[in-house]
Amino acid sequence: MNPLLLDSAFPTTTSDMTLARAHISTTGHMPAINGLPPQMVLDVEMCYILFLIGEHRTAEADDIIDGIVYGDLQPPVTATAWLWLARMCILIGEGNHRLALTAAENALFQLADIDGKRTDAQLSLLAALLYNLALVHNALGDDGRATKELAKAQKLYERLVRKDEMRYGAMLINAVDATARVMKSRDKQMAVFNYYKDIAERYAARLDDAATTDTDIRHALDNLVDTLGHEGEIMLNLGNHREAMRFFSRALRHLKRLNTGPMGERELRLSVGLAAAMIHVRGRRESGEKLLEALQPLAERLRNREAIARIELLRDSMDRNTSIMSLLKTLF
């Protein structure tokens, strides 16, 4: 996906920032702000944050964002939402997608509090947030959610382009391109899924073959478990959570025939996948949460860092994604 949509969502400043921007671009530093009115100080600081992020001086940008967001003066809602969007962009650049979701949630809280008809500036903020949320969910392997978010972002940019093609045209192209990339990825995943489906059918046929030996059966079961696990992960990535549950459950049932001892690495991996699917299915969320809670000690006992990290991410992002979805419903 193309670069983050931060510049396009930059709020209109109350003061002319031409000289301030020129100073920042030339010197790489913020101009003197002592004695300026609070709103002009905010405008200059936000221009400087945008510059710093573009120059990858994110630690400096982070400090200024903290000073504004947690300072004594309360910025306008649109400015605060943009600051959280800026924080989200920094976190995505660092690969910290879990905290990026938190930043997105904070930005959406700001936009949800706005009464009346939303301005173009607020709509462009919402579009940028949706685009970046899609980027996060794509990175987390949730292409189903990413596709929905990109579709909403694209509709908003189409609306904005009708009013200002010069400003938003490139953003619409980015959103369309990102949608195409995600859909292409989904097509590739379905092609891989169909490949695994053919293999699974062959292994299942081997199990039904009366002439197979115990060794053949164990070999077929072993491969069938792995294949079903792959199918479950693909369905999970595509957002088809009920189908993912079905594949992970089948894999675990077959694995029980192979392994009657205590749970090991494969059971853990498949069970985490099952829980990841369950938490997205209405009526199964609570069971999925309990399963994740029960799997945490096993992952720690087995010292499986990948499973530990995935469980922590799932448990942390569950409420975050639910909150984000609720906020988006209020905004659309």
Protein backbone atom coordinates (compact mmCIF):
# COMPACT_ATOMS: atom_id res chain seq x y z
CA MET A 1 0.00 0.00 0.00
CA ASN A 2 1.11 3.54 -0.73
CA PRO A 3 2.33 6.05 1.91
CA LEU A 4 0.10 7.08 4.80
CA LEU A 5 -2.51 9.76 4.21
CA LEU A 6 -1.45 12.43 6.70
CA ASP A 7 -0.81 15.53 4.58
CA SER A 8 -4.21 15.33 2.86
CA ALA A 9 -6.01 15.44 6.20
CA PHE A 10 -4.07 18.43 7.54
CA PRO A 11 -6.65 20.90 8.94
CA THR A 12 -6.98 24.36 7.47
CA THR A 13 -5.01 26.75 9.69
CA THR A 14 -6.57 29.91 11.06
CA SER A 15 -3.44 31.90 10.14
CA ASP A 16 -1.34 32.12 6.99
CA MET A 17 1.49 29.65 7.55
CA THR A 18 3.44 30.42 4.37
CA LEU A 19 6.37 32.10 6.18
CA ALA A 20 6.37 29.55 8.99
CA ARG A 21 6.45 26.65 6.52
CA ALA A 22 9.26 28.31 4.54
CA HIS A 23 11.29 28.79 7.73
CA ILE A 24 10.73 25.17 8.77
CA SER A 25 11.63 23.84 5.33
CA THR A 26 14.79 25.97 5.10
CA THR A 27 16.17 25.59 8.61
CA GLY A 28 14.63 22.31 9.75
CA HIS A 29 13.56 24.02 12.96
CA MET A 30 10.41 25.62 14.27
CA PRO A 31 10.31 29.43 14.18
CA ALA A 32 10.06 31.42 17.41
CA ILE A 33 6.55 31.23 18.86
CA ASN A 34 6.95 33.32 22.03
CA GLY A 35 4.28 35.98 22.28
CA LEU A 36 2.11 34.52 19.51
CA PRO A 37 -1.61 33.90 20.15
CA PRO A 38 -2.37 30.30 21.29
CA GLN A 39 -4.15 29.35 18.05
CA MET A 40 -1.23 30.58 15.92
CA VAL A 41 1.19 28.65 18.16
CA LEU A 42 -0.89 25.51 17.56
CA ASP A 43 -0.86 26.08 13.78
CA VAL A 44 2.93 26.47 13.74
CA GLU A 45 3.45 23.39 15.93
CA MET A 46 1.22 21.27 13.73
CA CYS A 47 3.06 22.41 10.59
CA TYR A 48 6.31 21.48 12.30
CA ILE A 49 4.95 18.04 13.32
CA LEU A 50 4.03 17.35 9.70
CA PHE A 51 7.54 18.34 8.61
CA LEU A 52 9.21 16.21 11.32
CA ILE A 53 7.26 13.09 10.38
CA GLY A 54 8.15 13.62 6.73
CA GLU A 55 11.82 13.85 7.76
CA HIS A 56 11.51 10.72 9.95
CA ARG A 57 12.29 12.75 13.08
CA THR A 58 9.47 10.98 14.83
CA ALA A 59 10.77 11.22 18.40
CA GLU A 60 10.69 15.02 18.18
CA ALA A 61 7.24 14.92 16.62
CA ASP A 62 6.02 12.60 19.40
CA ASP A 63 7.19 15.03 22.08
CA ILE A 64 5.34 17.95 20.52
CA ILE A 65 2.17 15.87 20.05
CA ASP A 66 2.27 14.90 23.75
CA GLY A 67 2.75 18.52 24.75
CA ILE A 68 -0.34 19.60 22.81
CA VAL A 69 -2.66 16.66 23.52
CA TYR A 70 -1.88 16.48 27.22
CA GLY A 71 -1.24 20.21 27.74
CA ASP A 72 -3.37 22.74 29.58
CA LEU A 73 -4.88 24.29 26.46
CA GLN A 74 -7.57 22.22 24.74
CA PRO A 75 -7.08 22.30 20.93
CA PRO A 76 -10.10 22.23 18.59
CA VAL A 77 -11.57 18.77 18.02
CA THR A 78 -10.39 18.57 14.40
CA ALA A 79 -6.82 19.49 15.38
CA THR A 80 -6.81 16.90 18.18
CA ALA A 81 -8.09 14.22 15.80
CA TRP A 82 -5.31 15.08 13.33
CA LEU A 83 -2.70 14.87 16.10
CA TRP A 84 -3.87 11.34 16.93
CA LEU A 85 -3.75 10.52 13.22
CA ALA A 86 -0.16 11.79 13.19
CA ARG A 87 0.63 9.58 16.20
CA MET A 88 -0.97 6.66 14.37
CA CYS A 89 1.28 7.25 11.34
CA ILE A 90 4.37 7.27 13.56
CA LEU A 91 3.34 4.00 15.22
CA ILE A 92 2.61 2.32 11.89
CA GLY A 93 6.05 3.37 10.67
CA GLU A 94 7.54 1.74 13.77
CA GLY A 95 5.56 -1.44 13.15
CA ASN A 96 3.62 -0.97 16.39
CA HIS A 97 0.19 -1.82 15.01
CA ARG A 98 -1.37 -2.54 18.40
CA LEU A 99 -0.77 1.02 19.65
CA ALA A 100 -1.68 2.37 16.20
CA LEU A 101 -5.20 1.01 16.79
CA THR A 102 -5.32 2.89 20.10
CA ALA A 103 -4.33 6.13 18.36
CA ALA A 104 -7.01 5.55 15.71
CA GLU A 105 -9.60 4.96 18.42
CA ASN A 106 -8.66 8.25 20.11
CA ALA A 107 -8.96 10.12 16.81
CA LEU A 108 -12.36 8.58 16.11
CA PHE A 109 -13.56 9.54 19.60
CA GLN A 110 -12.83 13.15 18.69
CA LEU A 111 -14.71 12.96 15.39
CA ALA A 112 -17.66 11.14 16.98
CA ASP A 113 -18.14 14.05 19.39
CA ILE A 114 -18.77 16.53 16.57
CA ASP A 115 -22.40 17.57 16.29
CA GLY A 116 -24.10 18.59 13.08
CA LYS A 117 -22.91 18.21 9.50
CA ARG A 118 -19.25 17.33 9.15
CA THR A 119 -16.96 19.62 7.21
CA ASP A 120 -14.76 18.53 4.32
CA ALA A 121 -11.74 18.78 6.66
CA GLN A 122 -13.37 16.36 9.07
CA LEU A 123 -14.37 14.00 6.26
CA SER A 124 -10.81 13.99 4.91
CA LEU A 125 -9.59 13.12 8.42
CA LEU A 126 -12.05 10.25 8.60
CA ALA A 127 -10.99 9.02 5.15
CA ALA A 128 -7.31 9.10 6.16
CA LEU A 129 -8.07 7.23 9.38
CA LEU A 130 -9.96 4.55 7.46
CA TYR A 131 -7.10 4.21 4.99
CA ASN A 132 -4.57 3.82 7.80
CA LEU A 133 -6.81 1.38 9.66
CA ALA A 134 -6.90 -0.70 6.49
CA LEU A 135 -3.12 -0.57 6.37
CA VAL A 136 -2.92 -1.79 9.98
CA HIS A 137 -5.42 -4.61 9.47
CA ASN A 138 -3.70 -5.63 6.24
CA ALA A 139 -0.40 -5.83 8.14
CA LEU A 140 -2.12 -7.90 10.84
CA GLY A 141 -3.43 -10.33 8.21
CA ASP A 142 -7.07 -9.21 8.38
CA ASP A 143 -7.73 -8.44 4.72
CA GLY A 144 -11.47 -8.80 5.21
CA ARG A 145 -11.59 -5.81 7.55
CA ALA A 146 -9.03 -3.91 5.45
CA THR A 147 -11.22 -4.25 2.35
CA LYS A 148 -14.27 -2.80 4.14
CA GLU A 149 -12.26 0.13 5.50
CA LEU A 150 -10.77 0.90 2.10
CA ALA A 151 -14.22 0.82 0.51
CA LYS A 152 -15.44 3.45 3.01
CA ALA A 153 -12.31 5.57 2.52
CA GLN A 154 -12.73 5.41 -1.25
CA LYS A 155 -16.36 6.60 -1.04
CA LEU A 156 -15.33 9.56 1.11
CA TYR A 157 -12.53 10.54 -1.28
CA GLU A 158 -14.90 10.25 -4.25
CA ARG A 159 -17.19 12.69 -2.45
CA LEU A 160 -14.31 15.06 -1.64
CA VAL A 161 -12.85 14.93 -5.17
CA ARG A 162 -16.10 16.36 -6.55
CA LYS A 163 -15.39 19.49 -4.49
CA ASP A 164 -11.59 19.73 -4.74
CA GLU A 165 -9.96 17.44 -7.27
CA MET A 166 -6.55 19.11 -6.96
CA ARG A 167 -6.29 18.31 -3.25
CA TYR A 168 -8.00 14.92 -3.03
CA GLY A 169 -7.49 13.37 -6.48
CA ALA A 170 -4.20 11.73 -5.54
CA MET A 171 -5.72 10.43 -2.32
CA LEU A 172 -8.54 8.76 -4.23
CA ILE A 173 -5.98 7.11 -6.53
CA ASN A 174 -4.11 5.84 -3.45
CA ALA A 175 -7.30 4.37 -1.99
CA VAL A 176 -8.28 2.72 -5.30
CA ASP A 177 -4.75 1.33 -5.74
CA ALA A 178 -4.73 -0.02 -2.18
CA THR A 179 -8.11 -1.68 -2.71
CA ALA A 180 -6.83 -3.33 -5.88
CA ARG A 181 -3.73 -4.57 -4.06
CA VAL A 182 -5.73 -6.05 -1.20
CA MET A 183 -8.20 -7.67 -3.59
CA LYS A 184 -5.31 -9.09 -5.61
CA SER A 185 -3.88 -10.46 -2.38
CA ARG A 186 -7.27 -12.00 -1.59
CA ASP A 187 -7.37 -13.61 -5.05
CA LYS A 188 -3.90 -15.07 -4.48
CA GLN A 189 -4.96 -16.35 -1.07
CA MET A 190 -8.03 -18.01 -2.59
CA ALA A 191 -5.83 -19.66 -5.20
CA VAL A 192 -3.63 -21.03 -2.40
CA PHE A 193 -6.76 -22.06 -0.49
CA ASN A 194 -8.04 -24.03 -3.50
CA TYR A 195 -4.65 -25.73 -3.74
CA TYR A 196 -4.85 -26.77 -0.09
CA LYS A 197 -8.46 -27.85 -0.59
CA ASP A 198 -7.41 -30.31 -3.31
CA ILE A 199 -4.64 -31.67 -1.10
CA ALA A 200 -7.00 -32.02 1.89
CA GLU A 201 -9.45 -34.02 -0.23
CA ARG A 202 -6.67 -36.37 -1.28
CA TYR A 203 -5.55 -36.95 2.31
CA ALA A 204 -9.16 -37.45 3.40
CA ALA A 205 -9.57 -40.04 0.65
CA ARG A 206 -6.48 -41.85 1.93
CA LEU A 207 -8.07 -42.07 5.37
CA ASP A 208 -11.15 -43.71 3.85
CA ASP A 209 -9.07 -46.19 1.87
CA ALA A 210 -9.53 -49.59 3.52
CA ALA A 211 -6.18 -50.78 2.16
CA THR A 212 -4.13 -48.15 4.00
CA THR A 213 -1.83 -49.24 6.78
CA ASP A 214 -1.55 -47.63 10.20
CA THR A 215 1.59 -45.85 9.00
CA ASP A 216 -0.23 -44.51 5.93
CA ILE A 217 -3.13 -43.34 8.08
CA ARG A 218 -0.82 -41.50 10.47
CA HIS A 219 1.00 -39.90 7.54
CA ALA A 220 -2.30 -38.83 5.93
CA LEU A 221 -3.62 -37.49 9.25
CA ASP A 222 -0.41 -35.60 9.88
CA ASN A 223 -0.57 -33.87 6.51
CA LEU A 224 -4.33 -33.31 6.73
CA VAL A 225 -3.92 -31.49 10.06
CA ASP A 226 -1.35 -29.11 8.56
CA THR A 227 -3.45 -28.55 5.45
CA LEU A 228 -6.60 -27.79 7.44
CA GLY A 229 -4.58 -25.38 9.58
CA HIS A 230 -3.41 -23.54 6.45
CA GLU A 231 -7.01 -23.35 5.19
CA GLY A 232 -8.11 -21.96 8.55
CA GLU A 233 -5.47 -19.23 8.49
CA ILE A 234 -6.44 -18.18 4.95
CA MET A 235 -10.12 -17.98 5.89
CA LEU A 236 -9.13 -15.98 8.98
CA ASN A 237 -7.15 -13.51 6.86
CA LEU A 238 -10.05 -13.16 4.43
CA GLY A 239 -12.42 -12.35 7.28
CA ASN A 240 -14.46 -15.55 6.85
CA HIS A 241 -14.38 -16.35 10.57
CA ARG A 242 -17.05 -19.07 10.64
CA GLU A 243 -15.24 -21.05 7.95
CA ALA A 244 -11.95 -20.50 9.79
CA MET A 245 -13.54 -21.96 12.94
CA ARG A 246 -14.64 -25.00 10.97
CA PHE A 247 -11.16 -25.71 9.57
CA PHE A 248 -9.34 -25.20 12.87
CA SER A 249 -11.87 -27.41 14.68
CA ARG A 250 -11.46 -30.19 12.13
CA ALA A 251 -7.68 -29.93 12.35
CA LEU A 252 -7.78 -30.22 16.15
CA ARG A 253 -10.13 -33.23 15.99
CA HIS A 254 -7.79 -35.05 13.63
CA LEU A 255 -4.78 -34.08 15.70
CA LYS A 256 -6.36 -35.76 18.73
CA ARG A 257 -6.18 -39.06 16.85
CA LEU A 258 -2.46 -38.54 16.38
CA ASN A 259 -1.55 -37.17 19.79
CA THR A 260 -3.24 -38.44 22.95
CA GLY A 261 -0.68 -36.82 25.26
CA PRO A 262 -0.53 -33.27 26.64
CA MET A 263 -1.01 -30.31 24.31
CA GLY A 264 2.06 -29.35 22.32
CA GLU A 265 3.14 -26.75 19.78
CA ARG A 266 0.75 -27.80 17.02
CA GLU A 267 -2.28 -27.92 19.31
CA LEU A 268 -1.32 -24.51 20.63
CA ARG A 269 -0.96 -22.96 17.16
CA LEU A 270 -4.28 -24.39 15.94
CA SER A 271 -6.10 -23.47 19.15
CA VAL A 272 -4.90 -19.87 18.95
CA GLY A 273 -6.17 -19.75 15.37
CA LEU A 274 -9.52 -21.14 16.51
CA ALA A 275 -9.77 -18.54 19.27
CA ALA A 276 -8.84 -15.76 16.81
CA ALA A 277 -11.77 -16.81 14.64
CA MET A 278 -14.21 -17.26 17.55
CA ILE A 279 -13.76 -13.75 18.92
CA HIS A 280 -15.15 -12.36 15.65
CA VAL A 281 -18.24 -14.58 15.55
CA ARG A 282 -21.41 -13.43 17.25
CA GLY A 283 -22.29 -15.76 20.09
CA ARG A 284 -18.79 -17.25 20.26
CA ARG A 285 -16.79 -14.20 21.34
CA GLU A 286 -16.91 -15.00 25.05
CA SER A 287 -15.80 -18.59 24.43
CA GLY A 288 -12.97 -17.30 22.25
CA GLU A 289 -11.84 -14.91 25.00
CA LYS A 290 -11.84 -17.73 27.55
CA LEU A 291 -9.88 -19.95 25.19
CA LEU A 292 -7.22 -17.29 24.69
CA GLU A 293 -6.99 -16.84 28.46
CA ALA A 294 -6.53 -20.59 28.91
CA LEU A 295 -3.90 -20.80 26.16
CA GLN A 296 -1.68 -18.06 27.60
CA PRO A 297 -0.10 -20.28 30.34
CA LEU A 298 0.50 -23.08 27.81
CA ALA A 299 2.25 -20.70 25.41
CA GLU A 300 4.43 -19.45 28.27
CA ARG A 301 5.21 -22.98 29.44
CA LEU A 302 6.22 -23.99 25.91
CA ARG A 303 8.15 -20.70 25.57
CA ASN A 304 6.51 -20.15 22.22
CA ARG A 305 7.22 -16.46 21.63
CA GLU A 306 5.17 -16.30 18.44
CA ALA A 307 2.09 -17.72 20.17
CA ILE A 308 2.59 -15.49 23.23
CA ALA A 309 2.81 -12.39 21.04
CA ARG A 310 -0.24 -13.40 18.99
CA ILE A 311 -2.34 -14.09 22.09
CA GLU A 312 -1.36 -10.75 23.62
CA LEU A 313 -2.15 -8.94 20.37
CA LEU A 314 -5.52 -10.65 20.04
CA ARG A 315 -6.51 -9.99 23.65
CA ASP A 316 -5.41 -6.36 23.45
CA SER A 317 -6.98 -5.59 20.08
CA MET A 318 -10.35 -7.30 20.72
CA ASP A 319 -11.88 -4.41 22.65
CA ARG A 320 -9.98 -1.88 20.54
CA ASN A 321 -11.45 -3.18 17.28
CA THR A 322 -14.93 -3.47 18.81
CA SER A 323 -14.72 0.13 19.98
CA ILE A 324 -13.46 1.30 16.58
CA MET A 325 -16.29 -0.50 14.80
CA SER A 326 -18.85 1.09 17.15
CA LEU A 327 -17.36 4.54 16.57
CA LEU A 328 -17.39 4.06 12.80
CA LYS A 329 -21.08 3.10 12.94
CA THR A 330 -21.84 6.43 14.62
CA LEU A 331 -19.88 8.28 11.93
CA PHE A 332 -21.59 6.65 8.93
